[in-house]
Amino acid sequence: MAGLGFVALGVVLIAAGALWKGRAIRPLFRKRARAALARDYRRQLLRSADMAIAAARRRAARGEPVIVRIDDVIGIASQHFGHDVVPREQAAAALRQRYEAGGCRRDCMTDAFD
């Protein structure tokens, strides 16, 4: 009889622990999921800016300046990564960051600084 009581107590404690742990983890999971989505979005936007710069360099003839537009970044973000709505300010910020980091000042022109 005592053995059955210990088993029942163990089952109750395990069930209570599972319920408590589930409630404690869910809010953290939502925060982590939102943070991961924000990181992925930012990374994809920067990648879109890189791809727009590379495509503009391929399009430019020899000796011509490379022209990269914010609309190019938005188009690549929507076509390649499936983002339906990309705020113009965020696309411009990503393009500015990649423009400065990629050494584009010597051969590129962009409307991201307007």
PDB file of N, CA and C in Angstrom:
ATOM      1  N   MET A   1       0.803  -1.186   0.000  1.00  0.00           N
ATOM      2  CA  MET A   1       0.000   0.000   0.000  1.00  0.00           C
ATOM      3  C   MET A   1       0.857   1.266   0.000  1.00  0.00           C
ATOM      4  N   ALA A   2       1.938   1.250   0.792  1.00  0.00           N
ATOM      5  CA  ALA A   2       2.807   2.423   0.868  1.00  0.00           C
ATOM      6  C   ALA A   2       3.486   2.671  -0.474  1.00  0.00           C
ATOM      7  N   GLY A   3       3.818   1.583  -1.174  1.00  0.00           N
ATOM      8  CA  GLY A   3       4.443   1.726  -2.486  1.00  0.00           C
ATOM      9  C   GLY A   3       3.524   2.401  -3.488  1.00  0.00           C
ATOM     10  N   LEU A   4       2.255   2.078  -3.419  1.00  0.00           N
ATOM     11  CA  LEU A   4       1.269   2.691  -4.309  1.00  0.00           C
ATOM     12  C   LEU A   4       1.102   4.180  -4.008  1.00  0.00           C
ATOM     13  N   GLY A   5       1.200   4.542  -2.733  1.00  0.00           N
ATOM     14  CA  GLY A   5       1.112   5.954  -2.335  1.00  0.00           C
ATOM     15  C   GLY A   5       2.283   6.755  -2.878  1.00  0.00           C
ATOM     16  N   PHE A   6       3.492   6.165  -2.833  1.00  0.00           N
ATOM     17  CA  PHE A   6       4.664   6.844  -3.376  1.00  0.00           C
ATOM     18  C   PHE A   6       4.567   7.014  -4.890  1.00  0.00           C
ATOM     19  N   VAL A   7       4.042   6.010  -5.550  1.00  0.00           N
ATOM     20  CA  VAL A   7       3.863   6.092  -7.009  1.00  0.00           C
ATOM     21  C   VAL A   7       2.863   7.191  -7.349  1.00  0.00           C
ATOM     22  N   ALA A   8       1.759   7.240  -6.614  1.00  0.00           N
ATOM     23  CA  ALA A   8       0.742   8.270  -6.856  1.00  0.00           C
ATOM     24  C   ALA A   8       1.315   9.661  -6.589  1.00  0.00           C
ATOM     25  N   LEU A   9       2.074   9.795  -5.505  1.00  0.00           N
ATOM     26  CA  LEU A   9       2.703  11.075  -5.196  1.00  0.00           C
ATOM     27  C   LEU A   9       3.686  11.482  -6.299  1.00  0.00           C
ATOM     28  N   GLY A  10       4.440  10.526  -6.794  1.00  0.00           N
ATOM     29  CA  GLY A  10       5.380  10.804  -7.880  1.00  0.00           C
ATOM     30  C   GLY A  10       4.673  11.266  -9.144  1.00  0.00           C
ATOM     31  N   VAL A  11       3.569  10.613  -9.480  1.00  0.00           N
ATOM     32  CA  VAL A  11       2.804  11.000 -10.674  1.00  0.00           C
ATOM     33  C   VAL A  11       2.255  12.416 -10.521  1.00  0.00           C
ATOM     34  N   VAL A  12       1.745  12.729  -9.339  1.00  0.00           N
ATOM     35  CA  VAL A  12       1.212  14.076  -9.088  1.00  0.00           C
ATOM     36  C   VAL A  12       2.324  15.118  -9.193  1.00  0.00           C
ATOM     37  N   LEU A  13       3.477  14.836  -8.614  1.00  0.00           N
ATOM     38  CA  LEU A  13       4.595  15.786  -8.683  1.00  0.00           C
ATOM     39  C   LEU A  13       5.090  15.974 -10.115  1.00  0.00           C
ATOM     40  N   ILE A  14       5.157  14.909 -10.874  1.00  0.00           N
ATOM     41  CA  ILE A  14       5.592  15.013 -12.272  1.00  0.00           C
ATOM     42  C   ILE A  14       4.591  15.829 -13.080  1.00  0.00           C
ATOM     43  N   ALA A  15       3.300  15.573 -12.874  1.00  0.00           N
ATOM     44  CA  ALA A  15       2.269  16.332 -13.592  1.00  0.00           C
ATOM     45  C   ALA A  15       2.318  17.812 -13.221  1.00  0.00           C
ATOM     46  N   ALA A  16       2.477  18.107 -11.931  1.00  0.00           N
ATOM     47  CA  ALA A  16       2.555  19.505 -11.490  1.00  0.00           C
ATOM     48  C   ALA A  16       3.796  20.184 -12.062  1.00  0.00           C
ATOM     49  N   GLY A  17       4.905  19.484 -12.074  1.00  0.00           N
ATOM     50  CA  GLY A  17       6.134  20.049 -12.635  1.00  0.00           C
ATOM     51  C   GLY A  17       6.014  20.319 -14.119  1.00  0.00           C
ATOM     52  N   ALA A  18       5.373  19.407 -14.840  1.00  0.00           N
ATOM     53  CA  ALA A  18       5.195  19.603 -16.282  1.00  0.00           C
ATOM     54  C   ALA A  18       4.307  20.807 -16.560  1.00  0.00           C
ATOM     55  N   LEU A  19       3.237  20.955 -15.796  1.00  0.00           N
ATOM     56  CA  LEU A  19       2.351  22.108 -15.982  1.00  0.00           C
ATOM     57  C   LEU A  19       3.058  23.406 -15.630  1.00  0.00           C
ATOM     58  N   TRP A  20       3.784  23.423 -14.518  1.00  0.00           N
ATOM     59  CA  TRP A  20       4.481  24.638 -14.110  1.00  0.00           C
ATOM     60  C   TRP A  20       5.565  25.015 -15.109  1.00  0.00           C
ATOM     61  N   LYS A  21       6.328  24.028 -15.543  1.00  0.00           N
ATOM     62  CA  LYS A  21       7.416  24.293 -16.481  1.00  0.00           C
ATOM     63  C   LYS A  21       6.870  24.790 -17.810  1.00  0.00           C
ATOM     64  N   GLY A  22       5.779  24.240 -18.245  1.00  0.00           N
ATOM     65  CA  GLY A  22       5.176  24.684 -19.495  1.00  0.00           C
ATOM     66  C   GLY A  22       4.765  26.143 -19.449  1.00  0.00           C
ATOM     67  N   ARG A  23       4.204  26.578 -18.344  1.00  0.00           N
ATOM     68  CA  ARG A  23       3.802  27.977 -18.214  1.00  0.00           C
ATOM     69  C   ARG A  23       5.013  28.895 -18.121  1.00  0.00           C
ATOM     70  N   ALA A  24       6.068  28.430 -17.518  1.00  0.00           N
ATOM     71  CA  ALA A  24       7.252  29.272 -17.357  1.00  0.00           C
ATOM     72  C   ALA A  24       8.005  29.425 -18.669  1.00  0.00           C
ATOM     73  N   ILE A  25       7.981  28.430 -19.517  1.00  0.00           N
ATOM     74  CA  ILE A  25       8.764  28.477 -20.754  1.00  0.00           C
ATOM     75  C   ILE A  25       8.033  29.209 -21.875  1.00  0.00           C
ATOM     76  N   ARG A  26       6.731  29.120 -21.935  1.00  0.00           N
ATOM     77  CA  ARG A  26       5.992  29.718 -23.050  1.00  0.00           C
ATOM     78  C   ARG A  26       6.248  31.208 -23.241  1.00  0.00           C
ATOM     79  N   PRO A  27       6.222  32.034 -22.183  1.00  0.00           N
ATOM     80  CA  PRO A  27       6.516  33.451 -22.418  1.00  0.00           C
ATOM     81  C   PRO A  27       7.932  33.668 -22.941  1.00  0.00           C
ATOM     82  N   LEU A  28       8.883  32.906 -22.429  1.00  0.00           N
ATOM     83  CA  LEU A  28      10.254  33.030 -22.918  1.00  0.00           C
ATOM     84  C   LEU A  28      10.345  32.583 -24.366  1.00  0.00           C
ATOM     85  N   PHE A  29       9.584  31.567 -24.723  1.00  0.00           N
ATOM     86  CA  PHE A  29       9.589  31.075 -26.089  1.00  0.00           C
ATOM     87  C   PHE A  29       9.079  32.152 -27.038  1.00  0.00           C
ATOM     88  N   ARG A  30       8.029  32.860 -26.654  1.00  0.00           N
ATOM     89  CA  ARG A  30       7.493  33.928 -27.505  1.00  0.00           C
ATOM     90  C   ARG A  30       8.515  35.035 -27.690  1.00  0.00           C
ATOM     91  N   LYS A  31       9.189  35.410 -26.607  1.00  0.00           N
ATOM     92  CA  LYS A  31      10.206  36.456 -26.701  1.00  0.00           C
ATOM     93  C   LYS A  31      11.339  36.016 -27.617  1.00  0.00           C
ATOM     94  N   ARG A  32      11.786  34.779 -27.438  1.00  0.00           N
ATOM     95  CA  ARG A  32      12.869  34.266 -28.284  1.00  0.00           C
ATOM     96  C   ARG A  32      12.440  34.178 -29.736  1.00  0.00           C
ATOM     97  N   ALA A  33      11.207  33.761 -29.963  1.00  0.00           N
ATOM     98  CA  ALA A  33      10.707  33.645 -31.332  1.00  0.00           C
ATOM     99  C   ALA A  33      10.635  35.017 -31.994  1.00  0.00           C
ATOM    100  N   ARG A  34      10.142  36.019 -31.266  1.00  0.00           N
ATOM    101  CA  ARG A  34      10.087  37.375 -31.832  1.00  0.00           C
ATOM    102  C   ARG A  34      11.487  37.906 -32.099  1.00  0.00           C
ATOM    103  N   ALA A  35      12.408  37.665 -31.182  1.00  0.00           N
ATOM    104  CA  ALA A  35      13.785  38.129 -31.369  1.00  0.00           C
ATOM    105  C   ALA A  35      14.433  37.438 -32.561  1.00  0.00           C
ATOM    106  N   ALA A  36      14.179  36.154 -32.722  1.00  0.00           N
ATOM    107  CA  ALA A  36      14.739  35.419 -33.860  1.00  0.00           C
ATOM    108  C   ALA A  36      14.158  35.922 -35.172  1.00  0.00           C
ATOM    109  N   LEU A  37      12.860  36.198 -35.199  1.00  0.00           N
ATOM    110  CA  LEU A  37      12.246  36.735 -36.415  1.00  0.00           C
ATOM    111  C   LEU A  37      12.819  38.101 -36.766  1.00  0.00           C
ATOM    112  N   ALA A  38      13.035  38.938 -35.763  1.00  0.00           N
ATOM    113  CA  ALA A  38      13.612  40.259 -36.007  1.00  0.00           C
ATOM    114  C   ALA A  38      15.037  40.139 -36.538  1.00  0.00           C
ATOM    115  N   ARG A  39      15.823  39.219 -35.960  1.00  0.00           N
ATOM    116  CA  ARG A  39      17.196  39.011 -36.450  1.00  0.00           C
ATOM    117  C   ARG A  39      17.194  38.505 -37.880  1.00  0.00           C
ATOM    118  N   ASP A  40      16.319  37.544 -38.172  1.00  0.00           N
ATOM    119  CA  ASP A  40      16.246  36.994 -39.524  1.00  0.00           C
ATOM    120  C   ASP A  40      15.818  38.056 -40.526  1.00  0.00           C
ATOM    121  N   TYR A  41      14.844  38.874 -40.151  1.00  0.00           N
ATOM    122  CA  TYR A  41      14.368  39.934 -41.043  1.00  0.00           C
ATOM    123  C   TYR A  41      15.494  40.914 -41.347  1.00  0.00           C
ATOM    124  N   ARG A  42      16.209  41.328 -40.313  1.00  0.00           N
ATOM    125  CA  ARG A  42      17.316  42.277 -40.494  1.00  0.00           C
ATOM    126  C   ARG A  42      18.415  41.659 -41.366  1.00  0.00           C
ATOM    127  N   ARG A  43      18.740  40.405 -41.112  1.00  0.00           N
ATOM    128  CA  ARG A  43      19.761  39.717 -41.897  1.00  0.00           C
ATOM    129  C   ARG A  43      19.332  39.602 -43.363  1.00  0.00           C
ATOM    130  N   GLN A  44      18.063  39.283 -43.584  1.00  0.00           N
ATOM    131  CA  GLN A  44      17.563  39.157 -44.951  1.00  0.00           C
ATOM    132  C   GLN A  44      17.526  40.505 -45.656  1.00  0.00           C
ATOM    133  N   LEU A  45      17.243  41.561 -44.918  1.00  0.00           N
ATOM    134  CA  LEU A  45      17.245  42.894 -45.515  1.00  0.00           C
ATOM    135  C   LEU A  45      18.661  43.314 -45.901  1.00  0.00           C
ATOM    136  N   LEU A  46      19.631  43.012 -45.053  1.00  0.00           N
ATOM    137  CA  LEU A  46      21.026  43.310 -45.393  1.00  0.00           C
ATOM    138  C   LEU A  46      21.485  42.477 -46.587  1.00  0.00           C
ATOM    139  N   ARG A  47      21.065  41.231 -46.629  1.00  0.00           N
ATOM    140  CA  ARG A  47      21.401  40.366 -47.767  1.00  0.00           C
ATOM    141  C   ARG A  47      20.757  40.900 -49.042  1.00  0.00           C
ATOM    142  N   SER A  48      19.545  41.415 -48.942  1.00  0.00           N
ATOM    143  CA  SER A  48      18.878  42.010 -50.100  1.00  0.00           C
ATOM    144  C   SER A  48      19.656  43.217 -50.605  1.00  0.00           C
ATOM    145  N   ALA A  49      20.186  44.020 -49.688  1.00  0.00           N
ATOM    146  CA  ALA A  49      20.998  45.167 -50.087  1.00  0.00           C
ATOM    147  C   ALA A  49      22.273  44.705 -50.789  1.00  0.00           C
ATOM    148  N   ASP A  50      22.913  43.664 -50.264  1.00  0.00           N
ATOM    149  CA  ASP A  50      24.101  43.108 -50.927  1.00  0.00           C
ATOM    150  C   ASP A  50      23.770  42.620 -52.332  1.00  0.00           C
ATOM    151  N   MET A  51      22.647  41.925 -52.454  1.00  0.00           N
ATOM    152  CA  MET A  51      22.247  41.397 -53.757  1.00  0.00           C
ATOM    153  C   MET A  51      21.906  42.523 -54.727  1.00  0.00           C
ATOM    154  N   ALA A  52      21.295  43.604 -54.234  1.00  0.00           N
ATOM    155  CA  ALA A  52      20.969  44.745 -55.091  1.00  0.00           C
ATOM    156  C   ALA A  52      22.240  45.430 -55.581  1.00  0.00           C
ATOM    157  N   ILE A  53      23.228  45.568 -54.712  1.00  0.00           N
ATOM    158  CA  ILE A  53      24.503  46.174 -55.115  1.00  0.00           C
ATOM    159  C   ILE A  53      25.197  45.301 -56.151  1.00  0.00           C
ATOM    160  N   ALA A  54      25.212  43.993 -55.925  1.00  0.00           N
ATOM    161  CA  ALA A  54      25.852  43.080 -56.877  1.00  0.00           C
ATOM    162  C   ALA A  54      25.141  43.105 -58.226  1.00  0.00           C
ATOM    163  N   ALA A  55      23.815  43.131 -58.218  1.00  0.00           N
ATOM    164  CA  ALA A  55      23.061  43.173 -59.478  1.00  0.00           C
ATOM    165  C   ALA A  55      23.305  44.484 -60.213  1.00  0.00           C
ATOM    166  N   ALA A  56      23.383  45.588 -59.482  1.00  0.00           N
ATOM    167  CA  ALA A  56      23.645  46.879 -60.115  1.00  0.00           C
ATOM    168  C   ALA A  56      25.051  46.919 -60.704  1.00  0.00           C
ATOM    169  N   ARG A  57      26.005  46.294 -60.030  1.00  0.00           N
ATOM    170  CA  ARG A  57      27.368  46.245 -60.579  1.00  0.00           C
ATOM    171  C   ARG A  57      27.424  45.416 -61.854  1.00  0.00           C
ATOM    172  N   ARG A  58      26.638  44.344 -61.900  1.00  0.00           N
ATOM    173  CA  ARG A  58      26.595  43.539 -63.127  1.00  0.00           C
ATOM    174  C   ARG A  58      25.935  44.303 -64.271  1.00  0.00           C
ATOM    175  N   ARG A  59      24.924  45.118 -63.962  1.00  0.00           N
ATOM    176  CA  ARG A  59      24.202  45.876 -64.997  1.00  0.00           C
ATOM    177  C   ARG A  59      25.016  47.032 -65.554  1.00  0.00           C
ATOM    178  N   ALA A  60      25.867  47.622 -64.742  1.00  0.00           N
ATOM    179  CA  ALA A  60      26.598  48.819 -65.156  1.00  0.00           C
ATOM    180  C   ALA A  60      27.653  48.466 -66.204  1.00  0.00           C
ATOM    181  N   ALA A  61      27.747  49.323 -67.197  1.00  0.00           N
ATOM    182  CA  ALA A  61      28.776  49.152 -68.223  1.00  0.00           C
ATOM    183  C   ALA A  61      30.118  49.622 -67.660  1.00  0.00           C
ATOM    184  N   ARG A  62      31.160  49.213 -68.322  1.00  0.00           N
ATOM    185  CA  ARG A  62      32.504  49.571 -67.871  1.00  0.00           C
ATOM    186  C   ARG A  62      32.673  51.091 -67.895  1.00  0.00           C
ATOM    187  N   GLY A  63      33.130  51.642 -66.789  1.00  0.00           N
ATOM    188  CA  GLY A  63      33.350  53.074 -66.682  1.00  0.00           C
ATOM    189  C   GLY A  63      32.137  53.861 -66.205  1.00  0.00           C
ATOM    190  N   GLU A  64      30.982  53.238 -66.164  1.00  0.00           N
ATOM    191  CA  GLU A  64      29.779  53.918 -65.678  1.00  0.00           C
ATOM    192  C   GLU A  64      29.653  53.738 -64.170  1.00  0.00           C
ATOM    193  N   PRO A  65      29.029  54.711 -63.504  1.00  0.00           N
ATOM    194  CA  PRO A  65      28.806  54.524 -62.062  1.00  0.00           C
ATOM    195  C   PRO A  65      27.702  53.491 -61.823  1.00  0.00           C
ATOM    196  N   VAL A  66      27.827  52.787 -60.745  1.00  0.00           N
ATOM    197  CA  VAL A  66      26.825  51.794 -60.359  1.00  0.00           C
ATOM    198  C   VAL A  66      25.715  52.534 -59.615  1.00  0.00           C
ATOM    199  N   ILE A  67      24.475  52.361 -60.065  1.00  0.00           N
ATOM    200  CA  ILE A  67      23.339  53.036 -59.437  1.00  0.00           C
ATOM    201  C   ILE A  67      22.488  51.998 -58.721  1.00  0.00           C
ATOM    202  N   VAL A  68      22.389  52.146 -57.404  1.00  0.00           N
ATOM    203  CA  VAL A  68      21.608  51.221 -56.576  1.00  0.00           C
ATOM    204  C   VAL A  68      20.476  52.018 -55.938  1.00  0.00           C
ATOM    205  N   ARG A  69      19.252  51.568 -56.149  1.00  0.00           N
ATOM    206  CA  ARG A  69      18.086  52.275 -55.614  1.00  0.00           C
ATOM    207  C   ARG A  69      17.465  51.499 -54.456  1.00  0.00           C
ATOM    208  N   ILE A  70      16.767  52.220 -53.617  1.00  0.00           N
ATOM    209  CA  ILE A  70      16.055  51.592 -52.499  1.00  0.00           C
ATOM    210  C   ILE A  70      15.014  50.620 -53.035  1.00  0.00           C
ATOM    211  N   ASP A  71      14.379  50.979 -54.137  1.00  0.00           N
ATOM    212  CA  ASP A  71      13.362  50.103 -54.734  1.00  0.00           C
ATOM    213  C   ASP A  71      13.955  48.764 -55.157  1.00  0.00           C
ATOM    214  N   ASP A  72      15.232  48.750 -55.546  1.00  0.00           N
ATOM    215  CA  ASP A  72      15.895  47.481 -55.883  1.00  0.00           C
ATOM    216  C   ASP A  72      15.972  46.573 -54.654  1.00  0.00           C
ATOM    217  N   VAL A  73      16.316  47.157 -53.520  1.00  0.00           N
ATOM    218  CA  VAL A  73      16.410  46.383 -52.272  1.00  0.00           C
ATOM    219  C   VAL A  73      15.032  45.848 -51.882  1.00  0.00           C
ATOM    220  N   ILE A  74      14.014  46.698 -51.989  1.00  0.00           N
ATOM    221  CA  ILE A  74      12.651  46.277 -51.649  1.00  0.00           C
ATOM    222  C   ILE A  74      12.187  45.169 -52.582  1.00  0.00           C
ATOM    223  N   GLY A  75      12.494  45.303 -53.875  1.00  0.00           N
ATOM    224  CA  GLY A  75      12.105  44.273 -54.840  1.00  0.00           C
ATOM    225  C   GLY A  75      12.762  42.932 -54.563  1.00  0.00           C
ATOM    226  N   ILE A  76      14.037  42.950 -54.253  1.00  0.00           N
ATOM    227  CA  ILE A  76      14.738  41.694 -53.955  1.00  0.00           C
ATOM    228  C   ILE A  76      14.221  41.084 -52.656  1.00  0.00           C
ATOM    229  N   ALA A  77      13.954  41.929 -51.662  1.00  0.00           N
ATOM    230  CA  ALA A  77      13.426  41.414 -50.392  1.00  0.00           C
ATOM    231  C   ALA A  77      12.065  40.753 -50.592  1.00  0.00           C
ATOM    232  N   SER A  78      11.264  41.310 -51.477  1.00  0.00           N
ATOM    233  CA  SER A  78       9.942  40.710 -51.695  1.00  0.00           C
ATOM    234  C   SER A  78      10.024  39.485 -52.597  1.00  0.00           C
ATOM    235  N   GLN A  79      10.836  39.536 -53.633  1.00  0.00           N
ATOM    236  CA  GLN A  79      10.921  38.407 -54.565  1.00  0.00           C
ATOM    237  C   GLN A  79      11.699  37.237 -53.979  1.00  0.00           C
ATOM    238  N   HIS A  80      12.834  37.530 -53.395  1.00  0.00           N
ATOM    239  CA  HIS A  80      13.726  36.457 -52.951  1.00  0.00           C
ATOM    240  C   HIS A  80      13.357  35.910 -51.569  1.00  0.00           C
ATOM    241  N   PHE A  81      12.977  36.812 -50.661  1.00  0.00           N
ATOM    242  CA  PHE A  81      12.718  36.397 -49.283  1.00  0.00           C
ATOM    243  C   PHE A  81      11.236  36.382 -48.923  1.00  0.00           C
ATOM    244  N   GLY A  82      10.371  36.854 -49.819  1.00  0.00           N
ATOM    245  CA  GLY A  82       8.933  36.779 -49.602  1.00  0.00           C
ATOM    246  C   GLY A  82       8.358  37.817 -48.655  1.00  0.00           C
ATOM    247  N   HIS A  83       9.053  38.925 -48.450  1.00  0.00           N
ATOM    248  CA  HIS A  83       8.527  39.987 -47.591  1.00  0.00           C
ATOM    249  C   HIS A  83       7.584  40.857 -48.419  1.00  0.00           C
ATOM    250  N   ASP A  84       6.310  40.839 -48.066  1.00  0.00           N
ATOM    251  CA  ASP A  84       5.322  41.606 -48.819  1.00  0.00           C
ATOM    252  C   ASP A  84       5.475  43.102 -48.602  1.00  0.00           C
ATOM    253  N   VAL A  85       5.689  43.486 -47.371  1.00  0.00           N
ATOM    254  CA  VAL A  85       5.802  44.904 -47.035  1.00  0.00           C
ATOM    255  C   VAL A  85       7.170  45.143 -46.405  1.00  0.00           C
ATOM    256  N   VAL A  86       7.960  45.974 -47.063  1.00  0.00           N
ATOM    257  CA  VAL A  86       9.260  46.368 -46.518  1.00  0.00           C
ATOM    258  C   VAL A  86       9.242  47.887 -46.404  1.00  0.00           C
ATOM    259  N   PRO A  87       9.303  48.420 -45.193  1.00  0.00           N
ATOM    260  CA  PRO A  87       9.312  49.878 -45.050  1.00  0.00           C
ATOM    261  C   PRO A  87      10.522  50.488 -45.755  1.00  0.00           C
ATOM    262  N   ARG A  88      10.263  51.569 -46.453  1.00  0.00           N
ATOM    263  CA  ARG A  88      11.308  52.237 -47.233  1.00  0.00           C
ATOM    264  C   ARG A  88      12.471  52.681 -46.345  1.00  0.00           C
ATOM    265  N   GLU A  89      12.165  53.122 -45.136  1.00  0.00           N
ATOM    266  CA  GLU A  89      13.222  53.594 -44.229  1.00  0.00           C
ATOM    267  C   GLU A  89      14.157  52.456 -43.830  1.00  0.00           C
ATOM    268  N   GLN A  90      13.600  51.271 -43.591  1.00  0.00           N
ATOM    269  CA  GLN A  90      14.431  50.127 -43.220  1.00  0.00           C
ATOM    270  C   GLN A  90      15.280  49.662 -44.394  1.00  0.00           C
ATOM    271  N   ALA A  91      14.707  49.671 -45.587  1.00  0.00           N
ATOM    272  CA  ALA A  91      15.479  49.293 -46.773  1.00  0.00           C
ATOM    273  C   ALA A  91      16.599  50.299 -47.014  1.00  0.00           C
ATOM    274  N   ALA A  92      16.308  51.579 -46.812  1.00  0.00           N
ATOM    275  CA  ALA A  92      17.336  52.609 -46.985  1.00  0.00           C
ATOM    276  C   ALA A  92      18.445  52.453 -45.953  1.00  0.00           C
ATOM    277  N   ALA A  93      18.089  52.134 -44.719  1.00  0.00           N
ATOM    278  CA  ALA A  93      19.104  51.941 -43.674  1.00  0.00           C
ATOM    279  C   ALA A  93      19.996  50.748 -43.998  1.00  0.00           C
ATOM    280  N   ALA A  94      19.405  49.666 -44.480  1.00  0.00           N
ATOM    281  CA  ALA A  94      20.201  48.489 -44.853  1.00  0.00           C
ATOM    282  C   ALA A  94      21.117  48.814 -46.026  1.00  0.00           C
ATOM    283  N   LEU A  95      20.597  49.543 -47.004  1.00  0.00           N
ATOM    284  CA  LEU A  95      21.414  49.909 -48.164  1.00  0.00           C
ATOM    285  C   LEU A  95      22.548  50.843 -47.759  1.00  0.00           C
ATOM    286  N   ARG A  96      22.273  51.795 -46.884  1.00  0.00           N
ATOM    287  CA  ARG A  96      23.345  52.687 -46.403  1.00  0.00           C
ATOM    288  C   ARG A  96      24.437  51.896 -45.692  1.00  0.00           C
ATOM    289  N   GLN A  97      24.025  50.957 -44.846  1.00  0.00           N
ATOM    290  CA  GLN A  97      25.007  50.166 -44.097  1.00  0.00           C
ATOM    291  C   GLN A  97      25.883  49.358 -45.042  1.00  0.00           C
ATOM    292  N   ARG A  98      25.301  48.700 -46.005  1.00  0.00           N
ATOM    293  CA  ARG A  98      26.080  47.892 -46.948  1.00  0.00           C
ATOM    294  C   ARG A  98      26.866  48.756 -47.925  1.00  0.00           C
ATOM    295  N   TYR A  99      26.331  49.909 -48.257  1.00  0.00           N
ATOM    296  CA  TYR A  99      27.019  50.852 -49.136  1.00  0.00           C
ATOM    297  C   TYR A  99      28.324  51.304 -48.492  1.00  0.00           C
ATOM    298  N   GLU A 100      28.244  51.643 -47.214  1.00  0.00           N
ATOM    299  CA  GLU A 100      29.442  52.109 -46.512  1.00  0.00           C
ATOM    300  C   GLU A 100      30.402  50.969 -46.205  1.00  0.00           C
ATOM    301  N   ALA A 101      29.884  49.804 -45.859  1.00  0.00           N
ATOM    302  CA  ALA A 101      30.738  48.670 -45.503  1.00  0.00           C
ATOM    303  C   ALA A 101      31.381  48.037 -46.727  1.00  0.00           C
ATOM    304  N   GLY A 102      30.725  48.133 -47.864  1.00  0.00           N
ATOM    305  CA  GLY A 102      31.215  47.465 -49.063  1.00  0.00           C
ATOM    306  C   GLY A 102      32.161  48.282 -49.912  1.00  0.00           C
ATOM    307  N   GLY A 103      32.527  49.455 -49.474  1.00  0.00           N
ATOM    308  CA  GLY A 103      33.437  50.281 -50.253  1.00  0.00           C
ATOM    309  C   GLY A 103      32.819  50.788 -51.545  1.00  0.00           C
ATOM    310  N   CYS A 104      31.552  51.109 -51.512  1.00  0.00           N
ATOM    311  CA  CYS A 104      30.843  51.530 -52.724  1.00  0.00           C
ATOM    312  C   CYS A 104      31.012  53.006 -53.037  1.00  0.00           C
ATOM    313  N   ARG A 105      31.606  53.757 -52.149  1.00  0.00           N
ATOM    314  CA  ARG A 105      31.715  55.203 -52.376  1.00  0.00           C
ATOM    315  C   ARG A 105      32.501  55.539 -53.638  1.00  0.00           C
ATOM    316  N   ARG A 106      33.414  54.698 -54.016  1.00  0.00           N
ATOM    317  CA  ARG A 106      34.258  55.028 -55.163  1.00  0.00           C
ATOM    318  C   ARG A 106      33.581  54.767 -56.505  1.00  0.00           C
ATOM    319  N   ASP A 107      32.608  53.845 -56.561  1.00  0.00           N
ATOM    320  CA  ASP A 107      32.017  53.531 -57.865  1.00  0.00           C
ATOM    321  C   ASP A 107      30.492  53.435 -57.865  1.00  0.00           C
ATOM    322  N   CYS A 108      29.848  53.720 -56.735  1.00  0.00           N
ATOM    323  CA  CYS A 108      28.388  53.561 -56.648  1.00  0.00           C
ATOM    324  C   CYS A 108      27.694  54.883 -56.352  1.00  0.00           C
ATOM    325  N   MET A 109      26.432  54.925 -56.760  1.00  0.00           N
ATOM    326  CA  MET A 109      25.544  56.031 -56.403  1.00  0.00           C
ATOM    327  C   MET A 109      24.263  55.412 -55.864  1.00  0.00           C
ATOM    328  N   THR A 110      23.671  56.061 -54.860  1.00  0.00           N
ATOM    329  CA  THR A 110      22.440  55.530 -54.285  1.00  0.00           C
ATOM    330  C   THR A 110      21.543  56.657 -53.809  1.00  0.00           C
ATOM    331  N   ASP A 111      20.261  56.348 -53.713  1.00  0.00           N
ATOM    332  CA  ASP A 111      19.300  57.309 -53.183  1.00  0.00           C
ATOM    333  C   ASP A 111      19.004  57.050 -51.711  1.00  0.00           C
ATOM    334  N   ALA A 112      19.777  56.200 -51.075  1.00  0.00           N
ATOM    335  CA  ALA A 112      19.534  55.836 -49.677  1.00  0.00           C
ATOM    336  C   ALA A 112      19.872  56.965 -48.711  1.00  0.00           C
ATOM    337  N   PHE A 113      20.635  57.941 -49.144  1.00  0.00           N
ATOM    338  CA  PHE A 113      21.028  59.032 -48.264  1.00  0.00           C
ATOM    339  C   PHE A 113      20.113  60.245 -48.390  1.00  0.00           C
ATOM    340  N   ASP A 114      19.138  60.184 -49.286  1.00  0.00           N
ATOM    341  CA  ASP A 114      18.199  61.309 -49.478  1.00  0.00           C
ATOM    342  C   ASP A 114      17.190  61.383 -48.376  1.00  0.00           C
TER     343      ASP A 114
END
